[in-house]
Amino acid sequence: MRLNRRTLLAAAVLAMTGAPPVVRAAEDPAVEPIKRLYAKFEEALKNGAGDLKSRLAIVGDTLAATFDTPAMVRTAVGPKWKTFKPEQQDALTETFGKYFVTLYANRLSQAAGGKFEVKPQSEARGPNRVVFTRVSNKDGDESDVDYVVNASNRVQDVLLNGNVSEVASMRASFSDPLKGGADGLLKFMRERTDGMLAAKVSPRE
């Protein structure tokens, strides 16, 4: 058997360690954004929930980078989206981004003292992948929170306990405001965002 450089190098490693080298599995690219997001969540909750503006300062940019909010608002609005003018669509996209980030930073207070666990491998689901996680609060109450990640590795929906879609819930909550057209929905989201920022105690959504 001819010994090439690679074979000799492997033999040298075996001789030094007495065991074959451990090969680490490649990290799942769909999982990595969720791990970064949860690391920020833990940072924001390190010394208790604090106030909403403090949490936003820590998690806001990461939330915005992790979620595909332009795709989410289009889905949440539904067929009416195509009836809106480009400038209305732009305004809705910008306002939704602020509303969504504030909403999630607001909800984060409920997980103070708890744990965030991410499964290392995602699962294919159509053109997307689902990242499975479990979140617990300080009392030990657990919820499965799964993230639907698109081909760009950005989240386009969140599933609570496997079947309650965040985007579908938003679509339901947007139905009445949308009776007033784009302006009605803009007013609704702005008022909700301002209300969360002004509240002394983070309300449950």
N, C-alpha and C. Protein backbone atom coordinates (compact mmCIF):
# COMPACT_ATOMS: atom_id res chain seq x y z
N MET A 1 0.85 -1.20 0.00
CA MET A 1 0.00 0.00 0.00
C MET A 1 0.88 1.24 0.00
N ARG A 2 0.65 2.13 -0.90
CA ARG A 2 1.43 3.36 -0.94
C ARG A 2 0.93 4.31 0.13
N LEU A 3 1.86 4.96 0.77
CA LEU A 3 1.50 5.93 1.81
C LEU A 3 1.65 7.33 1.25
N ASN A 4 0.52 8.02 1.17
CA ASN A 4 0.62 9.41 0.74
C ASN A 4 0.62 10.33 1.96
N ARG A 5 0.71 11.62 1.69
CA ARG A 5 0.81 12.58 2.79
C ARG A 5 -0.40 12.54 3.71
N ARG A 6 -1.58 12.38 3.13
CA ARG A 6 -2.82 12.40 3.93
C ARG A 6 -2.87 11.17 4.84
N THR A 7 -2.44 10.00 4.31
CA THR A 7 -2.46 8.78 5.10
C THR A 7 -1.49 8.88 6.28
N LEU A 8 -0.30 9.43 6.00
CA LEU A 8 0.70 9.59 7.05
C LEU A 8 0.21 10.55 8.13
N LEU A 9 -0.49 11.62 7.71
CA LEU A 9 -1.00 12.61 8.67
C LEU A 9 -2.05 11.97 9.57
N ALA A 10 -2.92 11.15 8.97
CA ALA A 10 -3.96 10.49 9.75
C ALA A 10 -3.34 9.51 10.74
N ALA A 11 -2.30 8.80 10.28
CA ALA A 11 -1.62 7.85 11.16
C ALA A 11 -0.97 8.56 12.34
N ALA A 12 -0.43 9.75 12.06
CA ALA A 12 0.22 10.52 13.13
C ALA A 12 -0.81 10.96 14.17
N VAL A 13 -2.01 11.38 13.70
CA VAL A 13 -3.07 11.80 14.63
C VAL A 13 -3.50 10.63 15.49
N LEU A 14 -3.67 9.46 14.86
CA LEU A 14 -4.07 8.27 15.61
C LEU A 14 -3.03 7.90 16.66
N ALA A 15 -1.77 8.03 16.27
CA ALA A 15 -0.69 7.67 17.20
C ALA A 15 -0.69 8.59 18.41
N MET A 16 -1.01 9.86 18.19
CA MET A 16 -0.96 10.83 19.30
C MET A 16 -2.19 10.72 20.20
N THR A 17 -3.33 10.45 19.62
CA THR A 17 -4.57 10.46 20.41
C THR A 17 -5.01 9.08 20.85
N GLY A 18 -4.59 8.06 20.10
CA GLY A 18 -5.03 6.71 20.42
C GLY A 18 -6.44 6.43 19.99
N ALA A 19 -7.06 7.35 19.27
CA ALA A 19 -8.44 7.18 18.81
C ALA A 19 -8.62 7.94 17.52
N PRO A 20 -9.60 7.54 16.69
CA PRO A 20 -9.84 8.26 15.44
C PRO A 20 -10.33 9.66 15.72
N PRO A 21 -9.97 10.65 14.88
CA PRO A 21 -10.42 12.02 15.11
C PRO A 21 -11.92 12.14 15.00
N VAL A 22 -12.50 13.01 15.83
CA VAL A 22 -13.95 13.22 15.82
C VAL A 22 -14.29 14.22 14.73
N VAL A 23 -15.24 13.85 13.87
CA VAL A 23 -15.69 14.73 12.81
C VAL A 23 -17.02 15.33 13.23
N ARG A 24 -17.07 16.65 13.36
CA ARG A 24 -18.30 17.31 13.78
C ARG A 24 -19.24 17.45 12.61
N ALA A 25 -20.52 17.20 12.86
CA ALA A 25 -21.52 17.36 11.82
C ALA A 25 -21.64 18.83 11.44
N ALA A 26 -21.90 19.06 10.17
CA ALA A 26 -22.05 20.45 9.71
C ALA A 26 -23.23 21.09 10.41
N GLU A 27 -23.07 22.35 10.76
CA GLU A 27 -24.15 23.06 11.43
C GLU A 27 -25.27 23.36 10.43
N ASP A 28 -26.48 23.18 10.86
CA ASP A 28 -27.65 23.39 10.02
C ASP A 28 -27.84 24.90 9.81
N PRO A 29 -27.76 25.39 8.56
CA PRO A 29 -27.88 26.83 8.32
C PRO A 29 -29.23 27.42 8.70
N ALA A 30 -30.27 26.57 8.71
CA ALA A 30 -31.60 27.07 9.11
C ALA A 30 -31.68 27.27 10.61
N VAL A 31 -30.89 26.50 11.35
CA VAL A 31 -30.93 26.56 12.81
C VAL A 31 -30.14 27.75 13.36
N GLU A 32 -29.08 28.11 12.67
CA GLU A 32 -28.17 29.13 13.19
C GLU A 32 -28.84 30.47 13.50
N PRO A 33 -29.74 31.00 12.64
CA PRO A 33 -30.40 32.27 12.98
C PRO A 33 -31.23 32.19 14.26
N ILE A 34 -31.84 31.03 14.51
CA ILE A 34 -32.66 30.87 15.71
C ILE A 34 -31.77 30.80 16.95
N LYS A 35 -30.63 30.15 16.82
CA LYS A 35 -29.70 30.11 17.94
C LYS A 35 -29.19 31.50 18.28
N ARG A 36 -28.90 32.30 17.25
CA ARG A 36 -28.46 33.69 17.50
C ARG A 36 -29.58 34.50 18.15
N LEU A 37 -30.80 34.29 17.66
CA LEU A 37 -31.95 35.02 18.22
C LEU A 37 -32.13 34.67 19.69
N TYR A 38 -32.07 33.39 20.03
CA TYR A 38 -32.27 32.98 21.41
C TYR A 38 -31.13 33.45 22.30
N ALA A 39 -29.93 33.53 21.77
CA ALA A 39 -28.81 34.08 22.55
C ALA A 39 -29.09 35.54 22.92
N LYS A 40 -29.68 36.28 22.00
CA LYS A 40 -30.05 37.67 22.28
C LYS A 40 -31.19 37.73 23.29
N PHE A 41 -32.15 36.81 23.18
CA PHE A 41 -33.24 36.76 24.14
C PHE A 41 -32.68 36.53 25.55
N GLU A 42 -31.76 35.60 25.66
CA GLU A 42 -31.17 35.30 26.97
C GLU A 42 -30.39 36.49 27.51
N GLU A 43 -29.72 37.21 26.62
CA GLU A 43 -29.00 38.42 27.03
C GLU A 43 -29.96 39.47 27.56
N ALA A 44 -31.09 39.64 26.86
CA ALA A 44 -32.06 40.66 27.27
C ALA A 44 -32.71 40.32 28.61
N LEU A 45 -32.80 39.02 28.92
CA LEU A 45 -33.47 38.59 30.14
C LEU A 45 -32.49 38.23 31.27
N LYS A 46 -31.22 38.47 31.04
CA LYS A 46 -30.19 38.05 31.98
C LYS A 46 -30.43 38.57 33.39
N ASN A 47 -30.83 39.80 33.51
CA ASN A 47 -31.06 40.41 34.83
C ASN A 47 -32.54 40.68 35.07
N GLY A 48 -33.39 39.78 34.57
CA GLY A 48 -34.83 39.98 34.68
C GLY A 48 -35.36 40.57 33.40
N ALA A 49 -36.66 40.71 33.32
CA ALA A 49 -37.29 41.17 32.08
C ALA A 49 -36.97 42.62 31.76
N GLY A 50 -36.76 43.45 32.79
CA GLY A 50 -36.52 44.87 32.54
C GLY A 50 -37.73 45.52 31.90
N ASP A 51 -37.51 46.62 31.18
CA ASP A 51 -38.63 47.29 30.50
C ASP A 51 -38.54 47.04 29.01
N LEU A 52 -39.61 47.29 28.32
CA LEU A 52 -39.71 46.98 26.90
C LEU A 52 -38.64 47.69 26.07
N LYS A 53 -38.41 48.96 26.34
CA LYS A 53 -37.44 49.71 25.54
C LYS A 53 -36.03 49.15 25.72
N SER A 54 -35.71 48.68 26.92
CA SER A 54 -34.40 48.08 27.15
C SER A 54 -34.28 46.77 26.38
N ARG A 55 -35.35 45.97 26.37
CA ARG A 55 -35.32 44.72 25.61
C ARG A 55 -35.20 44.99 24.12
N LEU A 56 -35.91 46.00 23.65
CA LEU A 56 -35.84 46.35 22.23
C LEU A 56 -34.42 46.75 21.82
N ALA A 57 -33.74 47.46 22.69
CA ALA A 57 -32.38 47.89 22.37
C ALA A 57 -31.45 46.70 22.17
N ILE A 58 -31.75 45.60 22.86
CA ILE A 58 -30.90 44.41 22.77
C ILE A 58 -31.31 43.49 21.64
N VAL A 59 -32.62 43.26 21.49
CA VAL A 59 -33.07 42.24 20.54
C VAL A 59 -33.63 42.79 19.24
N GLY A 60 -33.88 44.09 19.17
CA GLY A 60 -34.57 44.67 18.01
C GLY A 60 -33.90 44.38 16.68
N ASP A 61 -32.61 44.67 16.57
CA ASP A 61 -31.91 44.47 15.29
C ASP A 61 -31.87 43.00 14.91
N THR A 62 -31.67 42.12 15.88
CA THR A 62 -31.61 40.68 15.60
C THR A 62 -32.97 40.16 15.16
N LEU A 63 -34.04 40.64 15.80
CA LEU A 63 -35.39 40.24 15.37
C LEU A 63 -35.63 40.67 13.93
N ALA A 64 -35.26 41.90 13.61
CA ALA A 64 -35.48 42.42 12.26
C ALA A 64 -34.69 41.63 11.23
N ALA A 65 -33.49 41.19 11.59
CA ALA A 65 -32.65 40.43 10.66
C ALA A 65 -33.11 38.99 10.52
N THR A 66 -33.71 38.44 11.57
CA THR A 66 -34.09 37.03 11.58
C THR A 66 -35.40 36.77 10.84
N PHE A 67 -36.34 37.70 10.94
CA PHE A 67 -37.67 37.50 10.36
C PHE A 67 -37.80 38.20 9.01
N ASP A 68 -38.45 37.52 8.08
CA ASP A 68 -38.74 38.10 6.77
C ASP A 68 -40.07 38.85 6.88
N THR A 69 -40.03 40.00 7.54
CA THR A 69 -41.27 40.74 7.80
C THR A 69 -41.97 41.22 6.53
N PRO A 70 -41.26 41.56 5.44
CA PRO A 70 -41.99 41.92 4.21
C PRO A 70 -42.86 40.77 3.70
N ALA A 71 -42.33 39.55 3.75
CA ALA A 71 -43.12 38.39 3.30
C ALA A 71 -44.27 38.13 4.27
N MET A 72 -44.01 38.31 5.56
CA MET A 72 -45.03 38.04 6.57
C MET A 72 -46.21 38.99 6.43
N VAL A 73 -45.95 40.28 6.20
CA VAL A 73 -47.06 41.23 6.10
C VAL A 73 -47.88 40.97 4.84
N ARG A 74 -47.22 40.59 3.76
CA ARG A 74 -47.98 40.28 2.53
C ARG A 74 -48.94 39.12 2.78
N THR A 75 -48.45 38.09 3.48
CA THR A 75 -49.30 36.93 3.75
C THR A 75 -50.41 37.27 4.74
N ALA A 76 -50.06 38.07 5.75
CA ALA A 76 -51.05 38.44 6.77
C ALA A 76 -52.17 39.31 6.20
N VAL A 77 -51.82 40.16 5.25
CA VAL A 77 -52.83 41.02 4.63
C VAL A 77 -53.70 40.21 3.67
N GLY A 78 -53.08 39.27 2.95
CA GLY A 78 -53.84 38.42 2.04
C GLY A 78 -54.09 39.06 0.69
N PRO A 79 -55.17 38.66 0.01
CA PRO A 79 -55.44 39.11 -1.37
C PRO A 79 -55.51 40.63 -1.53
N LYS A 80 -55.90 41.33 -0.47
CA LYS A 80 -56.02 42.79 -0.58
C LYS A 80 -54.68 43.46 -0.85
N TRP A 81 -53.60 42.75 -0.54
CA TRP A 81 -52.27 43.35 -0.72
C TRP A 81 -52.07 43.87 -2.14
N LYS A 82 -52.51 43.08 -3.12
CA LYS A 82 -52.31 43.45 -4.52
C LYS A 82 -53.15 44.65 -4.94
N THR A 83 -54.15 45.00 -4.15
CA THR A 83 -54.99 46.15 -4.50
C THR A 83 -54.40 47.47 -4.00
N PHE A 84 -53.38 47.40 -3.16
CA PHE A 84 -52.79 48.61 -2.61
C PHE A 84 -51.73 49.19 -3.54
N LYS A 85 -51.60 50.49 -3.51
CA LYS A 85 -50.57 51.17 -4.31
C LYS A 85 -49.19 50.86 -3.73
N PRO A 86 -48.14 50.98 -4.56
CA PRO A 86 -46.78 50.69 -4.08
C PRO A 86 -46.40 51.48 -2.83
N GLU A 87 -46.79 52.76 -2.79
CA GLU A 87 -46.44 53.56 -1.62
C GLU A 87 -47.19 53.08 -0.36
N GLN A 88 -48.42 52.56 -0.55
CA GLN A 88 -49.15 51.99 0.58
C GLN A 88 -48.49 50.70 1.05
N GLN A 89 -48.06 49.87 0.10
CA GLN A 89 -47.37 48.63 0.44
C GLN A 89 -46.08 48.93 1.21
N ASP A 90 -45.35 49.95 0.77
CA ASP A 90 -44.10 50.33 1.45
C ASP A 90 -44.37 50.78 2.88
N ALA A 91 -45.42 51.59 3.05
CA ALA A 91 -45.76 52.08 4.38
C ALA A 91 -46.20 50.93 5.29
N LEU A 92 -46.97 50.01 4.75
CA LEU A 92 -47.41 48.85 5.53
C LEU A 92 -46.23 47.97 5.92
N THR A 93 -45.29 47.77 5.01
CA THR A 93 -44.12 46.94 5.29
C THR A 93 -43.27 47.56 6.40
N GLU A 94 -43.04 48.85 6.31
CA GLU A 94 -42.23 49.54 7.33
C GLU A 94 -42.93 49.52 8.69
N THR A 95 -44.22 49.82 8.70
CA THR A 95 -44.97 49.87 9.94
C THR A 95 -45.10 48.48 10.57
N PHE A 96 -45.32 47.47 9.73
CA PHE A 96 -45.41 46.11 10.24
C PHE A 96 -44.10 45.67 10.87
N GLY A 97 -42.98 46.03 10.25
CA GLY A 97 -41.69 45.67 10.81
C GLY A 97 -41.52 46.20 12.23
N LYS A 98 -41.89 47.45 12.45
CA LYS A 98 -41.79 48.05 13.79
C LYS A 98 -42.78 47.39 14.76
N TYR A 99 -43.99 47.15 14.27
CA TYR A 99 -45.03 46.52 15.09
C TYR A 99 -44.60 45.12 15.53
N PHE A 100 -44.08 44.34 14.58
CA PHE A 100 -43.73 42.95 14.87
C PHE A 100 -42.56 42.87 15.86
N VAL A 101 -41.53 43.67 15.64
CA VAL A 101 -40.37 43.65 16.53
C VAL A 101 -40.77 44.07 17.94
N THR A 102 -41.61 45.09 18.03
CA THR A 102 -42.08 45.55 19.34
C THR A 102 -42.94 44.49 20.01
N LEU A 103 -43.79 43.84 19.24
CA LEU A 103 -44.66 42.77 19.76
C LEU A 103 -43.84 41.64 20.37
N TYR A 104 -42.81 41.20 19.66
CA TYR A 104 -42.01 40.09 20.16
C TYR A 104 -41.14 40.48 21.35
N ALA A 105 -40.61 41.69 21.33
CA ALA A 105 -39.84 42.15 22.48
C ALA A 105 -40.75 42.29 23.69
N ASN A 106 -42.00 42.65 23.46
CA ASN A 106 -42.97 42.77 24.53
C ASN A 106 -43.30 41.41 25.14
N ARG A 107 -43.54 40.42 24.27
CA ARG A 107 -43.86 39.07 24.74
C ARG A 107 -42.69 38.42 25.48
N LEU A 108 -41.51 38.85 25.15
CA LEU A 108 -40.32 38.22 25.72
C LEU A 108 -40.29 38.26 27.23
N SER A 109 -40.93 39.24 27.83
CA SER A 109 -40.94 39.35 29.29
C SER A 109 -41.55 38.12 29.95
N GLN A 110 -42.43 37.42 29.23
CA GLN A 110 -43.11 36.25 29.78
C GLN A 110 -42.14 35.07 29.97
N ALA A 111 -40.98 35.13 29.31
CA ALA A 111 -40.01 34.03 29.39
C ALA A 111 -38.89 34.32 30.39
N ALA A 112 -38.99 35.42 31.12
CA ALA A 112 -37.94 35.76 32.10
C ALA A 112 -37.78 34.63 33.11
N GLY A 113 -36.53 34.23 33.35
CA GLY A 113 -36.27 33.15 34.29
C GLY A 113 -36.44 31.77 33.72
N GLY A 114 -36.78 31.69 32.43
CA GLY A 114 -37.00 30.39 31.80
C GLY A 114 -35.82 29.95 30.95
N LYS A 115 -36.10 29.03 30.02
CA LYS A 115 -35.05 28.47 29.17
C LYS A 115 -35.48 28.46 27.71
N PHE A 116 -34.48 28.54 26.84
CA PHE A 116 -34.70 28.45 25.40
C PHE A 116 -33.87 27.28 24.87
N GLU A 117 -34.52 26.30 24.29
CA GLU A 117 -33.81 25.13 23.76
C GLU A 117 -34.08 25.00 22.27
N VAL A 118 -33.03 24.77 21.49
CA VAL A 118 -33.15 24.64 20.04
C VAL A 118 -32.65 23.26 19.62
N LYS A 119 -33.46 22.53 18.87
CA LYS A 119 -33.01 21.23 18.35
C LYS A 119 -31.99 21.49 17.25
N PRO A 120 -30.93 20.67 17.18
CA PRO A 120 -29.81 20.96 16.28
C PRO A 120 -30.09 20.77 14.80
N GLN A 121 -31.15 20.03 14.45
CA GLN A 121 -31.44 19.78 13.05
C GLN A 121 -32.85 20.21 12.70
N SER A 122 -32.99 20.88 11.55
CA SER A 122 -34.31 21.29 11.08
C SER A 122 -34.92 20.18 10.22
N GLU A 123 -36.16 20.39 9.83
CA GLU A 123 -36.88 19.39 9.02
C GLU A 123 -37.44 20.07 7.78
N ALA A 124 -37.26 19.42 6.64
CA ALA A 124 -37.79 19.97 5.39
C ALA A 124 -39.31 19.95 5.41
N ARG A 125 -39.89 21.03 4.94
CA ARG A 125 -41.35 21.10 4.81
C ARG A 125 -41.67 21.92 3.56
N GLY A 126 -41.90 21.22 2.45
CA GLY A 126 -42.07 21.91 1.18
C GLY A 126 -40.78 22.63 0.81
N PRO A 127 -40.87 23.87 0.36
CA PRO A 127 -39.66 24.62 0.00
C PRO A 127 -38.93 25.20 1.22
N ASN A 128 -39.54 25.06 2.39
CA ASN A 128 -38.99 25.65 3.61
C ASN A 128 -38.41 24.58 4.54
N ARG A 129 -37.90 25.02 5.66
CA ARG A 129 -37.45 24.12 6.72
C ARG A 129 -38.06 24.60 8.03
N VAL A 130 -38.30 23.64 8.94
CA VAL A 130 -38.86 23.99 10.24
C VAL A 130 -37.81 23.73 11.31
N VAL A 131 -37.56 24.74 12.13
CA VAL A 131 -36.63 24.63 13.25
C VAL A 131 -37.45 24.46 14.51
N PHE A 132 -37.17 23.42 15.26
CA PHE A 132 -37.96 23.08 16.44
C PHE A 132 -37.28 23.60 17.70
N THR A 133 -38.05 24.28 18.54
CA THR A 133 -37.51 24.78 19.80
C THR A 133 -38.53 24.57 20.92
N ARG A 134 -38.04 24.69 22.14
CA ARG A 134 -38.92 24.61 23.31
C ARG A 134 -38.57 25.77 24.24
N VAL A 135 -39.60 26.47 24.68
CA VAL A 135 -39.42 27.62 25.56
C VAL A 135 -40.16 27.36 26.86
N SER A 136 -39.49 27.62 27.98
CA SER A 136 -40.14 27.46 29.28
C SER A 136 -40.04 28.77 30.05
N ASN A 137 -41.00 29.00 30.95
CA ASN A 137 -40.96 30.19 31.79
C ASN A 137 -40.39 29.83 33.16
N LYS A 138 -40.35 30.80 34.05
CA LYS A 138 -39.74 30.57 35.36
C LYS A 138 -40.49 29.53 36.19
N ASP A 139 -41.77 29.29 35.87
CA ASP A 139 -42.56 28.31 36.60
C ASP A 139 -42.43 26.90 36.01
N GLY A 140 -41.66 26.79 34.91
CA GLY A 140 -41.47 25.49 34.29
C GLY A 140 -42.50 25.12 33.25
N ASP A 141 -43.42 26.03 32.96
CA ASP A 141 -44.40 25.76 31.91
C ASP A 141 -43.71 25.82 30.56
N GLU A 142 -43.91 24.78 29.74
CA GLU A 142 -43.20 24.67 28.47
C GLU A 142 -44.13 24.82 27.28
N SER A 143 -43.58 25.36 26.20
CA SER A 143 -44.31 25.46 24.94
C SER A 143 -43.35 25.12 23.80
N ASP A 144 -43.86 24.39 22.82
CA ASP A 144 -43.08 24.13 21.61
C ASP A 144 -43.28 25.33 20.69
N VAL A 145 -42.18 25.92 20.27
CA VAL A 145 -42.22 27.07 19.37
C VAL A 145 -41.36 26.72 18.16
N ASP A 146 -42.00 26.55 17.00
CA ASP A 146 -41.30 26.13 15.80
C ASP A 146 -41.25 27.26 14.77
N TYR A 147 -40.13 27.37 14.09
CA TYR A 147 -39.90 28.47 13.15
C TYR A 147 -39.85 27.94 11.72
N VAL A 148 -40.68 28.52 10.86
CA VAL A 148 -40.67 28.17 9.44
C VAL A 148 -39.66 29.08 8.75
N VAL A 149 -38.58 28.48 8.26
CA VAL A 149 -37.46 29.23 7.70
C VAL A 149 -37.43 29.04 6.19
N ASN A 150 -37.31 30.14 5.44
CA ASN A 150 -37.31 30.03 3.98
C ASN A 150 -35.91 29.76 3.42
N ALA A 151 -35.80 29.74 2.10
CA ALA A 151 -34.53 29.39 1.45
C ALA A 151 -33.43 30.40 1.76
N SER A 152 -33.81 31.60 2.17
CA SER A 152 -32.83 32.63 2.54
C SER A 152 -32.48 32.57 4.02
N ASN A 153 -32.97 31.53 4.69
CA ASN A 153 -32.74 31.33 6.13
C ASN A 153 -33.28 32.48 6.97
N ARG A 154 -34.44 32.98 6.56
CA ARG A 154 -35.16 33.97 7.35
C ARG A 154 -36.52 33.39 7.71
N VAL A 155 -37.00 33.72 8.88
CA VAL A 155 -38.25 33.16 9.39
C VAL A 155 -39.44 33.85 8.73
N GLN A 156 -40.38 33.05 8.23
CA GLN A 156 -41.57 33.64 7.63
C GLN A 156 -42.86 33.24 8.37
N ASP A 157 -42.72 32.40 9.39
CA ASP A 157 -43.87 32.10 10.24
C ASP A 157 -43.37 31.41 11.51
N VAL A 158 -44.19 31.49 12.55
CA VAL A 158 -43.89 30.82 13.82
C VAL A 158 -45.09 29.97 14.17
N LEU A 159 -44.84 28.73 14.58
CA LEU A 159 -45.91 27.80 14.94
C LEU A 159 -45.84 27.49 16.42
N LEU A 160 -46.90 27.80 17.14
CA LEU A 160 -46.97 27.50 18.56
C LEU A 160 -47.57 26.12 18.75
N ASN A 161 -46.85 25.28 19.50
CA ASN A 161 -47.28 23.90 19.75
C ASN A 161 -47.60 23.15 18.46
N GLY A 162 -46.86 23.47 17.43
CA GLY A 162 -46.92 22.71 16.19
C GLY A 162 -47.96 23.11 15.18
N ASN A 163 -48.99 23.88 15.60
CA ASN A 163 -50.05 24.14 14.62
C ASN A 163 -50.69 25.53 14.67
N VAL A 164 -50.37 26.34 15.66
CA VAL A 164 -50.97 27.67 15.74
C VAL A 164 -50.04 28.65 15.03
N SER A 165 -50.43 29.09 13.84
CA SER A 165 -49.60 29.94 13.00
C SER A 165 -49.68 31.40 13.43
N GLU A 166 -48.52 32.01 13.62
CA GLU A 166 -48.46 33.44 13.97
C GLU A 166 -49.05 34.29 12.86
N VAL A 167 -48.68 33.99 11.62
CA VAL A 167 -49.16 34.79 10.49
C VAL A 167 -50.67 34.63 10.32
N ALA A 168 -51.18 33.42 10.52
CA ALA A 168 -52.63 33.21 10.41
C ALA A 168 -53.37 33.98 11.50
N SER A 169 -52.80 34.00 12.70
CA SER A 169 -53.41 34.76 13.80
C SER A 169 -53.42 36.25 13.50
N MET A 170 -52.33 36.73 12.91
CA MET A 170 -52.27 38.14 12.54
C MET A 170 -53.28 38.46 11.45
N ARG A 171 -53.41 37.55 10.51
CA ARG A 171 -54.37 37.77 9.43
C ARG A 171 -55.78 37.93 10.00
N ALA A 172 -56.10 37.13 11.00
CA ALA A 172 -57.41 37.25 11.64
C ALA A 172 -57.56 38.59 12.35
N SER A 173 -56.49 39.00 13.04
CA SER A 173 -56.57 40.27 13.79
C SER A 173 -56.58 41.48 12.86
N PHE A 174 -56.09 41.31 11.62
CA PHE A 174 -56.05 42.41 10.66
C PHE A 174 -57.36 42.56 9.89
N SER A 175 -58.25 41.58 9.99
CA SER A 175 -59.45 41.59 9.14
C SER A 175 -60.32 42.81 9.35
N ASP A 176 -60.57 43.18 10.61
CA ASP A 176 -61.39 44.37 10.88
C ASP A 176 -60.69 45.66 10.47
N PRO A 177 -59.42 45.88 10.87
CA PRO A 177 -58.73 47.10 10.44
C PRO A 177 -58.68 47.24 8.92
N LEU A 178 -58.57 46.12 8.20
CA LEU A 178 -58.48 46.18 6.74
C LEU A 178 -59.78 46.62 6.08
N LYS A 179 -60.86 46.65 6.85
CA LYS A 179 -62.11 47.19 6.30
C LYS A 179 -61.94 48.67 5.98
N GLY A 180 -60.97 49.29 6.64
CA GLY A 180 -60.65 50.69 6.37
C GLY A 180 -59.50 50.83 5.38
N GLY A 181 -59.19 49.74 4.67
CA GLY A 181 -58.13 49.79 3.68
C GLY A 181 -56.74 49.84 4.31
N ALA A 182 -55.77 50.25 3.50
CA ALA A 182 -54.39 50.33 3.98
C ALA A 182 -54.28 51.29 5.16
N ASP A 183 -55.00 52.41 5.08
CA ASP A 183 -54.93 53.40 6.16
C ASP A 183 -55.47 52.83 7.47
N GLY A 184 -56.52 52.02 7.37
CA GLY A 184 -57.08 51.41 8.57
C GLY A 184 -56.09 50.48 9.24
N LEU A 185 -55.37 49.69 8.45
CA LEU A 185 -54.38 48.77 9.02
C LEU A 185 -53.17 49.52 9.57
N LEU A 186 -52.76 50.56 8.86
CA LEU A 186 -51.64 51.37 9.35
C LEU A 186 -51.99 51.98 10.71
N LYS A 187 -53.19 52.50 10.83
CA LYS A 187 -53.63 53.10 12.09
C LYS A 187 -53.63 52.05 13.20
N PHE A 188 -54.15 50.88 12.90
CA PHE A 188 -54.21 49.80 13.88
C PHE A 188 -52.81 49.42 14.38
N MET A 189 -51.88 49.19 13.47
CA MET A 189 -50.55 48.76 13.87
C MET A 189 -49.80 49.85 14.63
N ARG A 190 -49.95 51.09 14.20
CA ARG A 190 -49.27 52.19 14.89
C ARG A 190 -49.82 52.37 16.30
N GLU A 191 -51.13 52.27 16.44
CA GLU A 191 -51.72 52.41 17.78
C GLU A 191 -51.29 51.27 18.69
N ARG A 192 -51.24 50.06 18.16
CA ARG A 192 -50.81 48.91 18.97
C ARG A 192 -49.34 49.07 19.38
N THR A 193 -48.52 49.51 18.45
CA THR A 193 -47.09 49.69 18.76
C THR A 193 -46.91 50.76 19.83
N ASP A 194 -47.57 51.90 19.65
CA ASP A 194 -47.46 52.99 20.62
C ASP A 194 -48.00 52.55 21.98
N GLY A 195 -49.08 51.76 21.97
CA GLY A 195 -49.67 51.29 23.22
C GLY A 195 -48.72 50.39 23.99
N MET A 196 -48.03 49.48 23.28
CA MET A 196 -47.07 48.60 23.95
C MET A 196 -45.90 49.40 24.53
N LEU A 197 -45.43 50.37 23.79
CA LEU A 197 -44.29 51.16 24.24
C LEU A 197 -44.65 52.04 25.43
N ALA A 198 -45.92 52.43 25.50
CA ALA A 198 -46.35 53.32 26.59
C ALA A 198 -46.75 52.58 27.84
N ALA A 199 -47.06 51.29 27.70
CA ALA A 199 -47.55 50.52 28.85
C ALA A 199 -46.47 50.31 29.89
N LYS A 200 -46.84 50.41 31.17
CA LYS A 200 -45.88 50.17 32.26
C LYS A 200 -45.64 48.68 32.47
N VAL A 201 -46.70 47.89 32.21
CA VAL A 201 -46.58 46.44 32.35
C VAL A 201 -46.87 45.84 30.98
N SER A 202 -45.98 44.94 30.50
CA SER A 202 -46.16 44.34 29.18
C SER A 202 -47.42 43.49 29.16
N PRO A 203 -48.38 43.83 28.30
CA PRO A 203 -49.62 43.04 28.23
C PRO A 203 -49.39 41.75 27.50
N ARG A 204 -50.20 40.73 27.85
CA ARG A 204 -50.16 39.48 27.09
C ARG A 204 -50.93 39.67 25.81
N GLU A 205 -50.36 39.13 24.70
CA GLU A 205 -51.04 39.28 23.41
C GLU A 205 -51.94 38.09 23.14
